[in-house]
Amino acid sequence: METIVLSNQLTILNQYTFTNCSGLTSITIPNSVKKFEDTAFVNCENLSDIYFCGSEDEWRRIENVASIPDGIRIHYEHKIM
């Protein structure tokens, strides 16, 4: 699985949600998400892009957003087609 588009009803990415998903390269996250648990993206070494469906300000208000691994590009205001 290379690309995932999450449901806009999702509010939390739980621990280990995408742990060891080495094939994951991009993910679309709705602005309904309000929290990332610490290990949601552990060992996703090929994840390079996150498409967030909200503003940069909304992104910064997500609880534990700092748990996102370094080096991943965040794209704001993404529209789901």
N, C-alpha and C. Protein backbone atom coordinates (compact mmCIF):
# COMPACT_ATOMS: atom_id res chain seq x y z
N MET A 1 0.84 -1.16 0.00
CA MET A 1 0.00 0.00 0.00
C MET A 1 0.90 1.24 0.00
N GLU A 2 0.77 2.06 -1.02
CA GLU A 2 1.61 3.25 -1.12
C GLU A 2 0.93 4.52 -0.63
N THR A 3 -0.37 4.64 -0.90
CA THR A 3 -1.09 5.86 -0.56
C THR A 3 -2.36 5.52 0.19
N ILE A 4 -2.64 6.30 1.23
CA ILE A 4 -3.84 6.09 2.03
C ILE A 4 -4.56 7.42 2.17
N VAL A 5 -5.89 7.39 2.05
CA VAL A 5 -6.74 8.54 2.31
C VAL A 5 -7.61 8.17 3.50
N LEU A 6 -7.45 8.88 4.59
CA LEU A 6 -8.20 8.57 5.81
C LEU A 6 -9.60 9.18 5.79
N SER A 7 -10.51 8.54 6.47
CA SER A 7 -11.89 8.99 6.58
C SER A 7 -11.97 10.32 7.32
N ASN A 8 -12.88 11.18 6.88
CA ASN A 8 -13.04 12.46 7.55
C ASN A 8 -13.82 12.33 8.86
N GLN A 9 -14.10 11.12 9.28
CA GLN A 9 -14.73 10.89 10.58
C GLN A 9 -13.71 10.50 11.64
N LEU A 10 -12.47 10.34 11.22
CA LEU A 10 -11.40 9.93 12.12
C LEU A 10 -10.95 11.13 12.95
N THR A 11 -10.75 10.92 14.26
CA THR A 11 -10.30 12.02 15.12
C THR A 11 -8.95 11.75 15.78
N ILE A 12 -8.55 10.47 15.91
CA ILE A 12 -7.29 10.11 16.56
C ILE A 12 -6.58 9.05 15.73
N LEU A 13 -5.27 9.21 15.56
CA LEU A 13 -4.45 8.13 15.01
C LEU A 13 -3.81 7.43 16.19
N ASN A 14 -4.27 6.23 16.47
CA ASN A 14 -3.83 5.49 17.64
C ASN A 14 -2.41 4.98 17.50
N GLN A 15 -1.86 4.52 18.63
CA GLN A 15 -0.54 3.91 18.63
C GLN A 15 -0.48 2.78 17.62
N TYR A 16 0.63 2.70 16.93
CA TYR A 16 0.92 1.60 15.99
C TYR A 16 -0.01 1.55 14.77
N THR A 17 -0.77 2.61 14.50
CA THR A 17 -1.70 2.60 13.37
C THR A 17 -0.99 2.25 12.08
N PHE A 18 0.15 2.86 11.81
CA PHE A 18 0.88 2.60 10.57
C PHE A 18 2.29 2.09 10.83
N THR A 19 2.55 1.56 12.00
CA THR A 19 3.88 1.06 12.34
C THR A 19 4.33 -0.01 11.35
N ASN A 20 5.56 0.14 10.89
CA ASN A 20 6.20 -0.81 9.96
C ASN A 20 5.53 -0.87 8.59
N CYS A 21 4.83 0.17 8.20
CA CYS A 21 4.24 0.23 6.85
C CYS A 21 5.30 0.82 5.91
N SER A 22 6.28 0.00 5.59
CA SER A 22 7.43 0.50 4.81
C SER A 22 7.04 0.88 3.38
N GLY A 23 5.92 0.38 2.87
CA GLY A 23 5.49 0.72 1.53
C GLY A 23 4.72 2.02 1.44
N LEU A 24 4.35 2.57 2.59
CA LEU A 24 3.56 3.80 2.62
C LEU A 24 4.42 4.99 2.23
N THR A 25 4.02 5.69 1.17
CA THR A 25 4.78 6.86 0.72
C THR A 25 4.04 8.17 0.94
N SER A 26 2.70 8.12 0.96
CA SER A 26 1.93 9.34 1.22
C SER A 26 0.61 8.99 1.89
N ILE A 27 0.13 9.96 2.64
CA ILE A 27 -1.13 9.78 3.36
C ILE A 27 -1.89 11.10 3.35
N THR A 28 -3.21 11.02 3.18
CA THR A 28 -4.06 12.18 3.28
C THR A 28 -4.79 12.13 4.61
N ILE A 29 -4.64 13.18 5.39
CA ILE A 29 -5.21 13.25 6.74
C ILE A 29 -6.26 14.35 6.76
N PRO A 30 -7.50 14.02 7.16
CA PRO A 30 -8.55 15.05 7.22
C PRO A 30 -8.33 16.00 8.40
N ASN A 31 -8.94 17.16 8.32
CA ASN A 31 -8.79 18.11 9.42
C ASN A 31 -9.66 17.74 10.62
N SER A 32 -10.35 16.61 10.55
CA SER A 32 -11.09 16.10 11.71
C SER A 32 -10.14 15.46 12.73
N VAL A 33 -8.92 15.11 12.32
CA VAL A 33 -7.94 14.50 13.22
C VAL A 33 -7.45 15.55 14.20
N LYS A 34 -7.53 15.21 15.49
CA LYS A 34 -7.15 16.15 16.54
C LYS A 34 -5.99 15.65 17.39
N LYS A 35 -5.56 14.38 17.16
CA LYS A 35 -4.48 13.83 17.99
C LYS A 35 -3.75 12.72 17.25
N PHE A 36 -2.41 12.73 17.38
CA PHE A 36 -1.56 11.61 16.95
C PHE A 36 -0.98 10.99 18.20
N GLU A 37 -1.12 9.69 18.36
CA GLU A 37 -0.44 9.04 19.47
C GLU A 37 1.00 8.78 19.06
N ASP A 38 1.90 8.67 20.04
CA ASP A 38 3.34 8.67 19.82
C ASP A 38 3.85 7.74 18.72
N THR A 39 3.33 6.57 18.63
CA THR A 39 3.92 5.57 17.73
C THR A 39 3.08 5.31 16.48
N ALA A 40 2.28 6.27 16.08
CA ALA A 40 1.40 6.07 14.93
C ALA A 40 2.16 5.82 13.64
N PHE A 41 3.34 6.40 13.49
CA PHE A 41 4.10 6.28 12.23
C PHE A 41 5.50 5.69 12.42
N VAL A 42 5.70 4.85 13.41
CA VAL A 42 7.02 4.28 13.66
C VAL A 42 7.44 3.36 12.51
N ASN A 43 8.67 3.52 12.06
CA ASN A 43 9.27 2.70 11.00
C ASN A 43 8.55 2.81 9.66
N CYS A 44 8.03 3.96 9.36
CA CYS A 44 7.46 4.24 8.03
C CYS A 44 8.53 4.98 7.24
N GLU A 45 9.63 4.30 6.98
CA GLU A 45 10.81 4.97 6.43
C GLU A 45 10.62 5.53 5.02
N ASN A 46 9.59 5.12 4.30
CA ASN A 46 9.36 5.64 2.95
C ASN A 46 8.26 6.70 2.89
N LEU A 47 7.67 7.02 4.03
CA LEU A 47 6.65 8.06 4.07
C LEU A 47 7.32 9.40 3.81
N SER A 48 6.95 10.04 2.71
CA SER A 48 7.60 11.29 2.35
C SER A 48 6.64 12.48 2.32
N ASP A 49 5.33 12.22 2.19
CA ASP A 49 4.37 13.32 2.05
C ASP A 49 3.12 13.06 2.86
N ILE A 50 2.70 14.10 3.59
CA ILE A 50 1.41 14.09 4.27
C ILE A 50 0.59 15.22 3.66
N TYR A 51 -0.59 14.88 3.18
CA TYR A 51 -1.53 15.86 2.62
C TYR A 51 -2.60 16.10 3.68
N PHE A 52 -2.59 17.30 4.24
CA PHE A 52 -3.52 17.63 5.31
C PHE A 52 -4.64 18.49 4.74
N CYS A 53 -5.86 18.14 5.06
CA CYS A 53 -7.04 18.82 4.49
C CYS A 53 -7.44 20.08 5.25
N GLY A 54 -6.54 20.61 6.02
CA GLY A 54 -6.80 21.84 6.75
C GLY A 54 -5.66 22.81 6.59
N SER A 55 -5.71 23.86 7.36
CA SER A 55 -4.69 24.91 7.30
C SER A 55 -3.46 24.53 8.12
N GLU A 56 -2.40 25.28 7.92
CA GLU A 56 -1.20 25.07 8.71
C GLU A 56 -1.49 25.31 10.19
N ASP A 57 -2.32 26.30 10.49
CA ASP A 57 -2.68 26.59 11.87
C ASP A 57 -3.43 25.40 12.50
N GLU A 58 -4.36 24.81 11.74
CA GLU A 58 -5.08 23.63 12.25
C GLU A 58 -4.10 22.48 12.49
N TRP A 59 -3.13 22.32 11.59
CA TRP A 59 -2.14 21.25 11.73
C TRP A 59 -1.36 21.43 13.04
N ARG A 60 -0.95 22.63 13.32
CA ARG A 60 -0.15 22.90 14.52
C ARG A 60 -0.94 22.68 15.81
N ARG A 61 -2.27 22.73 15.73
CA ARG A 61 -3.11 22.52 16.91
C ARG A 61 -3.39 21.04 17.18
N ILE A 62 -2.99 20.14 16.28
CA ILE A 62 -3.19 18.71 16.52
C ILE A 62 -2.32 18.29 17.69
N GLU A 63 -2.93 17.61 18.66
CA GLU A 63 -2.19 17.15 19.82
C GLU A 63 -1.12 16.15 19.40
N ASN A 64 0.08 16.39 19.83
CA ASN A 64 1.23 15.52 19.59
C ASN A 64 1.68 15.51 18.13
N VAL A 65 1.44 16.59 17.42
CA VAL A 65 1.88 16.69 16.02
C VAL A 65 3.39 16.55 15.91
N ALA A 66 4.10 16.84 16.98
CA ALA A 66 5.56 16.72 16.98
C ALA A 66 6.04 15.27 16.86
N SER A 67 5.13 14.31 17.00
CA SER A 67 5.52 12.90 16.88
C SER A 67 5.70 12.47 15.41
N ILE A 68 5.34 13.34 14.47
CA ILE A 68 5.54 13.03 13.05
C ILE A 68 7.04 13.03 12.78
N PRO A 69 7.55 11.97 12.16
CA PRO A 69 8.99 11.90 11.90
C PRO A 69 9.50 13.08 11.07
N ASP A 70 10.74 13.48 11.34
CA ASP A 70 11.38 14.56 10.59
C ASP A 70 11.53 14.19 9.12
N GLY A 71 11.54 15.19 8.27
CA GLY A 71 11.81 14.99 6.86
C GLY A 71 10.59 14.74 5.99
N ILE A 72 9.43 14.64 6.60
CA ILE A 72 8.20 14.43 5.84
C ILE A 72 7.63 15.79 5.43
N ARG A 73 7.31 15.93 4.16
CA ARG A 73 6.73 17.19 3.67
C ARG A 73 5.24 17.21 4.02
N ILE A 74 4.81 18.33 4.58
CA ILE A 74 3.40 18.51 4.92
C ILE A 74 2.81 19.48 3.90
N HIS A 75 1.72 19.05 3.26
CA HIS A 75 1.02 19.88 2.26
C HIS A 75 -0.32 20.27 2.88
N TYR A 76 -0.57 21.57 3.01
CA TYR A 76 -1.77 22.06 3.66
C TYR A 76 -2.87 22.37 2.65
N GLU A 77 -4.11 22.47 3.17
CA GLU A 77 -5.28 22.85 2.36
C GLU A 77 -5.54 21.86 1.22
N HIS A 78 -5.23 20.59 1.46
CA HIS A 78 -5.43 19.57 0.42
C HIS A 78 -6.92 19.28 0.27
N LYS A 79 -7.35 19.14 -0.95
CA LYS A 79 -8.74 18.82 -1.26
C LYS A 79 -8.82 17.38 -1.74
N ILE A 80 -9.72 16.61 -1.16
CA ILE A 80 -9.93 15.22 -1.58
C ILE A 80 -10.82 15.23 -2.81
N MET A 81 -10.37 14.57 -3.84
CA MET A 81 -11.13 14.50 -5.09
C MET A 81 -12.14 13.36 -5.04
